[in-house]
């Protein structure tokens, strides 16, 4: 009888551990998508101005806030 009881308790505990992972909700927050992640300017003369445009898109469902950008 004890063996059946312990087996039942272990089965219930296993359900509580593994069940939430199976019913996780999809991510609906902001999601950043950058096509080109780096840019190499090669050789640049001192004092020259270099410009490059990176396209940043939000593929998520909520607003995407970019709070800080810094050169790599």
PDB file of N, CA and C in Angstrom:
ATOM      1  N   UNK A   1       0.819  -1.188   0.000  1.00  0.00           N
ATOM      2  CA  UNK A   1       0.000   0.000   0.000  1.00  0.00           C
ATOM      3  C   UNK A   1       0.873   1.267   0.000  1.00  0.00           C
ATOM      4  N   UNK A   2       1.944   1.237   0.788  1.00  0.00           N
ATOM      5  CA  UNK A   2       2.833   2.401   0.840  1.00  0.00           C
ATOM      6  C   UNK A   2       3.484   2.657  -0.515  1.00  0.00           C
ATOM      7  N   UNK A   3       3.866   1.579  -1.192  1.00  0.00           N
ATOM      8  CA  UNK A   3       4.509   1.713  -2.487  1.00  0.00           C
ATOM      9  C   UNK A   3       3.575   2.414  -3.483  1.00  0.00           C
ATOM     10  N   UNK A   4       2.309   2.078  -3.476  1.00  0.00           N
ATOM     11  CA  UNK A   4       1.328   2.705  -4.357  1.00  0.00           C
ATOM     12  C   UNK A   4       1.166   4.178  -3.982  1.00  0.00           C
ATOM     13  N   UNK A   5       1.119   4.475  -2.705  1.00  0.00           N
ATOM     14  CA  UNK A   5       0.970   5.856  -2.239  1.00  0.00           C
ATOM     15  C   UNK A   5       2.168   6.703  -2.657  1.00  0.00           C
ATOM     16  N   UNK A   6       3.395   6.184  -2.454  1.00  0.00           N
ATOM     17  CA  UNK A   6       4.597   6.934  -2.824  1.00  0.00           C
ATOM     18  C   UNK A   6       4.683   7.123  -4.339  1.00  0.00           C
ATOM     19  N   UNK A   7       4.281   6.125  -5.089  1.00  0.00           N
ATOM     20  CA  UNK A   7       4.263   6.258  -6.551  1.00  0.00           C
ATOM     21  C   UNK A   7       3.287   7.345  -6.978  1.00  0.00           C
ATOM     22  N   UNK A   8       2.143   7.392  -6.350  1.00  0.00           N
ATOM     23  CA  UNK A   8       1.145   8.416  -6.662  1.00  0.00           C
ATOM     24  C   UNK A   8       1.663   9.811  -6.323  1.00  0.00           C
ATOM     25  N   UNK A   9       2.295   9.956  -5.162  1.00  0.00           N
ATOM     26  CA  UNK A   9       2.844  11.250  -4.749  1.00  0.00           C
ATOM     27  C   UNK A   9       3.933  11.700  -5.721  1.00  0.00           C
ATOM     28  N   UNK A  10       4.817  10.793  -6.136  1.00  0.00           N
ATOM     29  CA  UNK A  10       5.866  11.141  -7.094  1.00  0.00           C
ATOM     30  C   UNK A  10       5.277  11.542  -8.450  1.00  0.00           C
ATOM     31  N   UNK A  11       4.221  10.870  -8.872  1.00  0.00           N
ATOM     32  CA  UNK A  11       3.581  11.198 -10.139  1.00  0.00           C
ATOM     33  C   UNK A  11       2.965  12.600 -10.081  1.00  0.00           C
ATOM     34  N   UNK A  12       2.291  12.931  -9.013  1.00  0.00           N
ATOM     35  CA  UNK A  12       1.689  14.264  -8.849  1.00  0.00           C
ATOM     36  C   UNK A  12       2.780  15.326  -8.789  1.00  0.00           C
ATOM     37  N   UNK A  13       3.863  15.070  -8.065  1.00  0.00           N
ATOM     38  CA  UNK A  13       4.962  16.033  -7.974  1.00  0.00           C
ATOM     39  C   UNK A  13       5.584  16.249  -9.355  1.00  0.00           C
ATOM     40  N   UNK A  14       5.751  15.201 -10.127  1.00  0.00           N
ATOM     41  CA  UNK A  14       6.288  15.319 -11.475  1.00  0.00           C
ATOM     42  C   UNK A  14       5.406  16.164 -12.367  1.00  0.00           C
ATOM     43  N   UNK A  15       4.087  16.021 -12.215  1.00  0.00           N
ATOM     44  CA  UNK A  15       3.177  16.843 -13.004  1.00  0.00           C
ATOM     45  C   UNK A  15       3.324  18.320 -12.669  1.00  0.00           C
ATOM     46  N   UNK A  16       3.473  18.649 -11.415  1.00  0.00           N
ATOM     47  CA  UNK A  16       3.627  20.054 -11.015  1.00  0.00           C
ATOM     48  C   UNK A  16       4.958  20.642 -11.485  1.00  0.00           C
ATOM     49  N   UNK A  17       5.968  19.804 -11.637  1.00  0.00           N
ATOM     50  CA  UNK A  17       7.273  20.287 -12.089  1.00  0.00           C
ATOM     51  C   UNK A  17       7.307  20.474 -13.602  1.00  0.00           C
ATOM     52  N   UNK A  18       6.787  19.522 -14.369  1.00  0.00           N
ATOM     53  CA  UNK A  18       6.928  19.540 -15.821  1.00  0.00           C
ATOM     54  C   UNK A  18       5.729  20.141 -16.567  1.00  0.00           C
ATOM     55  N   UNK A  19       4.570  20.201 -15.971  1.00  0.00           N
ATOM     56  CA  UNK A  19       3.386  20.701 -16.660  1.00  0.00           C
ATOM     57  C   UNK A  19       3.467  22.178 -17.024  1.00  0.00           C
ATOM     58  N   UNK A  20       3.937  23.086 -16.159  1.00  0.00           N
ATOM     59  CA  UNK A  20       3.979  24.508 -16.538  1.00  0.00           C
ATOM     60  C   UNK A  20       4.852  24.786 -17.759  1.00  0.00           C
ATOM     61  N   UNK A  21       5.892  24.015 -17.986  1.00  0.00           N
ATOM     62  CA  UNK A  21       6.748  24.232 -19.157  1.00  0.00           C
ATOM     63  C   UNK A  21       6.002  23.919 -20.442  1.00  0.00           C
ATOM     64  N   UNK A  22       5.078  23.000 -20.399  1.00  0.00           N
ATOM     65  CA  UNK A  22       4.324  22.621 -21.592  1.00  0.00           C
ATOM     66  C   UNK A  22       3.220  23.588 -21.954  1.00  0.00           C
ATOM     67  N   UNK A  23       2.765  24.391 -20.999  1.00  0.00           N
ATOM     68  CA  UNK A  23       1.663  25.306 -21.288  1.00  0.00           C
ATOM     69  C   UNK A  23       2.111  26.766 -21.234  1.00  0.00           C
ATOM     70  N   UNK A  24       3.383  27.006 -21.510  1.00  0.00           N
ATOM     71  CA  UNK A  24       3.911  28.373 -21.497  1.00  0.00           C
ATOM     72  C   UNK A  24       3.233  29.190 -22.593  1.00  0.00           C
ATOM     73  N   UNK A  25       2.947  30.442 -22.290  1.00  0.00           N
ATOM     74  CA  UNK A  25       2.300  31.309 -23.258  1.00  0.00           C
ATOM     75  C   UNK A  25       3.329  31.897 -24.208  1.00  0.00           C
ATOM     76  N   UNK A  26       2.931  32.170 -25.450  1.00  0.00           N
ATOM     77  CA  UNK A  26       3.878  32.742 -26.414  1.00  0.00           C
ATOM     78  C   UNK A  26       4.289  34.156 -26.015  1.00  0.00           C
ATOM     79  N   UNK A  27       5.499  34.523 -26.395  1.00  0.00           N
ATOM     80  CA  UNK A  27       6.034  35.842 -26.087  1.00  0.00           C
ATOM     81  C   UNK A  27       5.363  36.886 -26.973  1.00  0.00           C
ATOM     82  N   UNK A  28       4.695  37.858 -26.365  1.00  0.00           N
ATOM     83  CA  UNK A  28       4.003  38.898 -27.137  1.00  0.00           C
ATOM     84  C   UNK A  28       4.635  40.266 -26.925  1.00  0.00           C
ATOM     85  N   UNK A  29       5.783  40.321 -26.307  1.00  0.00           N
ATOM     86  CA  UNK A  29       6.457  41.585 -26.029  1.00  0.00           C
ATOM     87  C   UNK A  29       7.195  42.108 -27.244  1.00  0.00           C
ATOM     88  N   UNK A  30       7.971  43.176 -27.066  1.00  0.00           N
ATOM     89  CA  UNK A  30       8.750  43.723 -28.175  1.00  0.00           C
ATOM     90  C   UNK A  30       9.860  42.759 -28.591  1.00  0.00           C
ATOM     91  N   UNK A  31      10.183  42.776 -29.868  1.00  0.00           N
ATOM     92  CA  UNK A  31      11.228  41.884 -30.378  1.00  0.00           C
ATOM     93  C   UNK A  31      12.021  42.646 -31.435  1.00  0.00           C
ATOM     94  N   UNK A  32      13.316  42.855 -31.183  1.00  0.00           N
ATOM     95  CA  UNK A  32      14.144  43.639 -32.082  1.00  0.00           C
ATOM     96  C   UNK A  32      14.674  42.749 -33.213  1.00  0.00           C
ATOM     97  N   UNK A  33      14.664  43.291 -34.420  1.00  0.00           N
ATOM     98  CA  UNK A  33      15.193  42.586 -35.590  1.00  0.00           C
ATOM     99  C   UNK A  33      16.125  43.534 -36.335  1.00  0.00           C
ATOM    100  N   UNK A  34      17.401  43.169 -36.416  1.00  0.00           N
ATOM    101  CA  UNK A  34      18.405  43.985 -37.094  1.00  0.00           C
ATOM    102  C   UNK A  34      19.011  43.127 -38.203  1.00  0.00           C
ATOM    103  N   UNK A  35      18.854  43.571 -39.458  1.00  0.00           N
ATOM    104  CA  UNK A  35      19.361  42.789 -40.580  1.00  0.00           C
ATOM    105  C   UNK A  35      20.890  42.751 -40.590  1.00  0.00           C
ATOM    106  N   UNK A  36      21.527  43.893 -40.488  1.00  0.00           N
ATOM    107  CA  UNK A  36      22.977  44.008 -40.539  1.00  0.00           C
ATOM    108  C   UNK A  36      23.466  44.390 -39.143  1.00  0.00           C
ATOM    109  N   UNK A  37      24.183  43.492 -38.470  1.00  0.00           N
ATOM    110  CA  UNK A  37      24.554  43.728 -37.077  1.00  0.00           C
ATOM    111  C   UNK A  37      25.896  44.429 -36.905  1.00  0.00           C
ATOM    112  N   UNK A  38      26.699  44.518 -37.977  1.00  0.00           N
ATOM    113  CA  UNK A  38      27.981  45.205 -37.865  1.00  0.00           C
ATOM    114  C   UNK A  38      28.315  45.884 -39.194  1.00  0.00           C
ATOM    115  N   UNK A  39      29.231  46.836 -39.127  1.00  0.00           N
ATOM    116  CA  UNK A  39      29.673  47.571 -40.307  1.00  0.00           C
ATOM    117  C   UNK A  39      31.164  47.809 -40.182  1.00  0.00           C
ATOM    118  N   UNK A  40      31.916  47.472 -41.215  1.00  0.00           N
ATOM    119  CA  UNK A  40      33.360  47.663 -41.211  1.00  0.00           C
ATOM    120  C   UNK A  40      33.690  48.767 -42.209  1.00  0.00           C
ATOM    121  N   UNK A  41      34.204  49.889 -41.737  1.00  0.00           N
ATOM    122  CA  UNK A  41      34.516  51.031 -42.592  1.00  0.00           C
ATOM    123  C   UNK A  41      35.868  50.888 -43.276  1.00  0.00           C
ATOM    124  N   UNK A  42      36.588  49.831 -42.999  1.00  0.00           N
ATOM    125  CA  UNK A  42      37.927  49.585 -43.554  1.00  0.00           C
ATOM    126  C   UNK A  42      38.867  50.738 -43.227  1.00  0.00           C
ATOM    127  N   UNK A  43      39.579  51.289 -44.215  1.00  0.00           N
ATOM    128  CA  UNK A  43      40.520  52.380 -43.949  1.00  0.00           C
ATOM    129  C   UNK A  43      39.817  53.728 -44.066  1.00  0.00           C
ATOM    130  N   UNK A  44      40.057  54.590 -43.071  1.00  0.00           N
ATOM    131  CA  UNK A  44      39.427  55.915 -43.045  1.00  0.00           C
ATOM    132  C   UNK A  44      40.508  56.944 -42.772  1.00  0.00           C
ATOM    133  N   UNK A  45      40.472  58.022 -43.529  1.00  0.00           N
ATOM    134  CA  UNK A  45      41.424  59.107 -43.294  1.00  0.00           C
ATOM    135  C   UNK A  45      41.040  59.840 -42.026  1.00  0.00           C
ATOM    136  N   UNK A  46      42.053  60.310 -41.296  1.00  0.00           N
ATOM    137  CA  UNK A  46      41.804  61.005 -40.045  1.00  0.00           C
ATOM    138  C   UNK A  46      40.954  62.241 -40.311  1.00  0.00           C
ATOM    139  N   UNK A  47      39.913  62.416 -39.506  1.00  0.00           N
ATOM    140  CA  UNK A  47      39.025  63.564 -39.608  1.00  0.00           C
ATOM    141  C   UNK A  47      37.862  63.356 -40.572  1.00  0.00           C
ATOM    142  N   UNK A  48      37.839  62.245 -41.292  1.00  0.00           N
ATOM    143  CA  UNK A  48      36.749  61.984 -42.241  1.00  0.00           C
ATOM    144  C   UNK A  48      35.480  61.596 -41.484  1.00  0.00           C
ATOM    145  N   UNK A  49      34.347  61.998 -42.020  1.00  0.00           N
ATOM    146  CA  UNK A  49      33.047  61.685 -41.434  1.00  0.00           C
ATOM    147  C   UNK A  49      32.512  60.416 -42.091  1.00  0.00           C
ATOM    148  N   UNK A  50      32.149  59.458 -41.276  1.00  0.00           N
ATOM    149  CA  UNK A  50      31.598  58.200 -41.784  1.00  0.00           C
ATOM    150  C   UNK A  50      30.172  58.066 -41.288  1.00  0.00           C
ATOM    151  N   UNK A  51      29.287  57.720 -42.207  1.00  0.00           N
ATOM    152  CA  UNK A  51      27.892  57.487 -41.831  1.00  0.00           C
ATOM    153  C   UNK A  51      27.459  56.125 -42.360  1.00  0.00           C
ATOM    154  N   UNK A  52      26.623  55.465 -41.594  1.00  0.00           N
ATOM    155  CA  UNK A  52      26.055  54.188 -42.017  1.00  0.00           C
ATOM    156  C   UNK A  52      24.677  54.063 -41.379  1.00  0.00           C
ATOM    157  N   UNK A  53      23.739  53.541 -42.107  1.00  0.00           N
ATOM    158  CA  UNK A  53      22.371  53.392 -41.601  1.00  0.00           C
ATOM    159  C   UNK A  53      22.107  51.924 -41.282  1.00  0.00           C
ATOM    160  N   UNK A  54      21.697  51.667 -40.054  1.00  0.00           N
ATOM    161  CA  UNK A  54      21.272  50.335 -39.637  1.00  0.00           C
ATOM    162  C   UNK A  54      19.745  50.346 -39.573  1.00  0.00           C
ATOM    163  N   UNK A  55      19.120  49.358 -40.186  1.00  0.00           N
ATOM    164  CA  UNK A  55      17.666  49.252 -40.147  1.00  0.00           C
ATOM    165  C   UNK A  55      17.260  48.392 -38.955  1.00  0.00           C
ATOM    166  N   UNK A  56      16.462  48.979 -38.075  1.00  0.00           N
ATOM    167  CA  UNK A  56      15.986  48.299 -36.871  1.00  0.00           C
ATOM    168  C   UNK A  56      14.475  48.191 -36.956  1.00  0.00           C
ATOM    169  N   UNK A  57      13.960  46.964 -36.789  1.00  0.00           N
ATOM    170  CA  UNK A  57      12.517  46.744 -36.858  1.00  0.00           C
ATOM    171  C   UNK A  57      12.032  46.076 -35.579  1.00  0.00           C
ATOM    172  N   UNK A  58      10.788  46.343 -35.256  1.00  0.00           N
ATOM    173  CA  UNK A  58      10.136  45.693 -34.128  1.00  0.00           C
ATOM    174  C   UNK A  58       9.219  44.616 -34.688  1.00  0.00           C
ATOM    175  N   UNK A  59       9.573  43.358 -34.501  1.00  0.00           N
ATOM    176  CA  UNK A  59       8.736  42.272 -34.991  1.00  0.00           C
ATOM    177  C   UNK A  59       7.829  41.718 -33.890  1.00  0.00           C
ATOM    178  N   UNK A  60       7.795  42.380 -32.751  1.00  0.00           N
ATOM    179  CA  UNK A  60       6.928  41.964 -31.648  1.00  0.00           C
ATOM    180  C   UNK A  60       5.595  42.674 -31.687  1.00  0.00           C
ATOM    181  N   UNK A  61       4.804  42.454 -30.658  1.00  0.00           N
ATOM    182  CA  UNK A  61       3.456  43.022 -30.607  1.00  0.00           C
ATOM    183  C   UNK A  61       3.352  44.268 -29.737  1.00  0.00           C
ATOM    184  N   UNK A  62       4.359  44.537 -28.917  1.00  0.00           N
ATOM    185  CA  UNK A  62       4.343  45.723 -28.055  1.00  0.00           C
ATOM    186  C   UNK A  62       5.411  46.707 -28.503  1.00  0.00           C
ATOM    187  N   UNK A  63       5.340  47.920 -27.994  1.00  0.00           N
ATOM    188  CA  UNK A  63       6.266  48.981 -28.390  1.00  0.00           C
ATOM    189  C   UNK A  63       7.700  48.642 -27.979  1.00  0.00           C
ATOM    190  N   UNK A  64       8.622  48.907 -28.887  1.00  0.00           N
ATOM    191  CA  UNK A  64      10.033  48.672 -28.641  1.00  0.00           C
ATOM    192  C   UNK A  64      10.698  49.993 -28.293  1.00  0.00           C
ATOM    193  N   UNK A  65      11.368  50.047 -27.148  1.00  0.00           N
ATOM    194  CA  UNK A  65      12.069  51.251 -26.716  1.00  0.00           C
ATOM    195  C   UNK A  65      13.569  50.992 -26.780  1.00  0.00           C
ATOM    196  N   UNK A  66      14.284  51.826 -27.560  1.00  0.00           N
ATOM    197  CA  UNK A  66      15.742  51.735 -27.619  1.00  0.00           C
ATOM    198  C   UNK A  66      16.266  52.852 -26.740  1.00  0.00           C
ATOM    199  N   UNK A  67      16.831  52.492 -25.616  1.00  0.00           N
ATOM    200  CA  UNK A  67      17.232  53.471 -24.620  1.00  0.00           C
ATOM    201  C   UNK A  67      18.695  53.887 -24.722  1.00  0.00           C
ATOM    202  N   UNK A  68      19.549  53.026 -25.294  1.00  0.00           N
ATOM    203  CA  UNK A  68      20.961  53.356 -25.347  1.00  0.00           C
ATOM    204  C   UNK A  68      21.587  52.686 -26.565  1.00  0.00           C
ATOM    205  N   UNK A  69      22.400  53.452 -27.270  1.00  0.00           N
ATOM    206  CA  UNK A  69      23.144  52.927 -28.403  1.00  0.00           C
ATOM    207  C   UNK A  69      24.583  53.362 -28.232  1.00  0.00           C
ATOM    208  N   UNK A  70      25.515  52.418 -28.431  1.00  0.00           N
ATOM    209  CA  UNK A  70      26.929  52.780 -28.306  1.00  0.00           C
ATOM    210  C   UNK A  70      27.728  52.048 -29.370  1.00  0.00           C
ATOM    211  N   UNK A  71      28.831  52.624 -29.799  1.00  0.00           N
ATOM    212  CA  UNK A  71      29.646  51.948 -30.797  1.00  0.00           C
ATOM    213  C   UNK A  71      30.320  50.725 -30.208  1.00  0.00           C
ATOM    214  N   UNK A  72      30.545  49.723 -31.031  1.00  0.00           N
ATOM    215  CA  UNK A  72      31.151  48.467 -30.564  1.00  0.00           C
ATOM    216  C   UNK A  72      32.608  48.590 -30.511  1.00  0.00           C
TER     217      UNK A  72
END
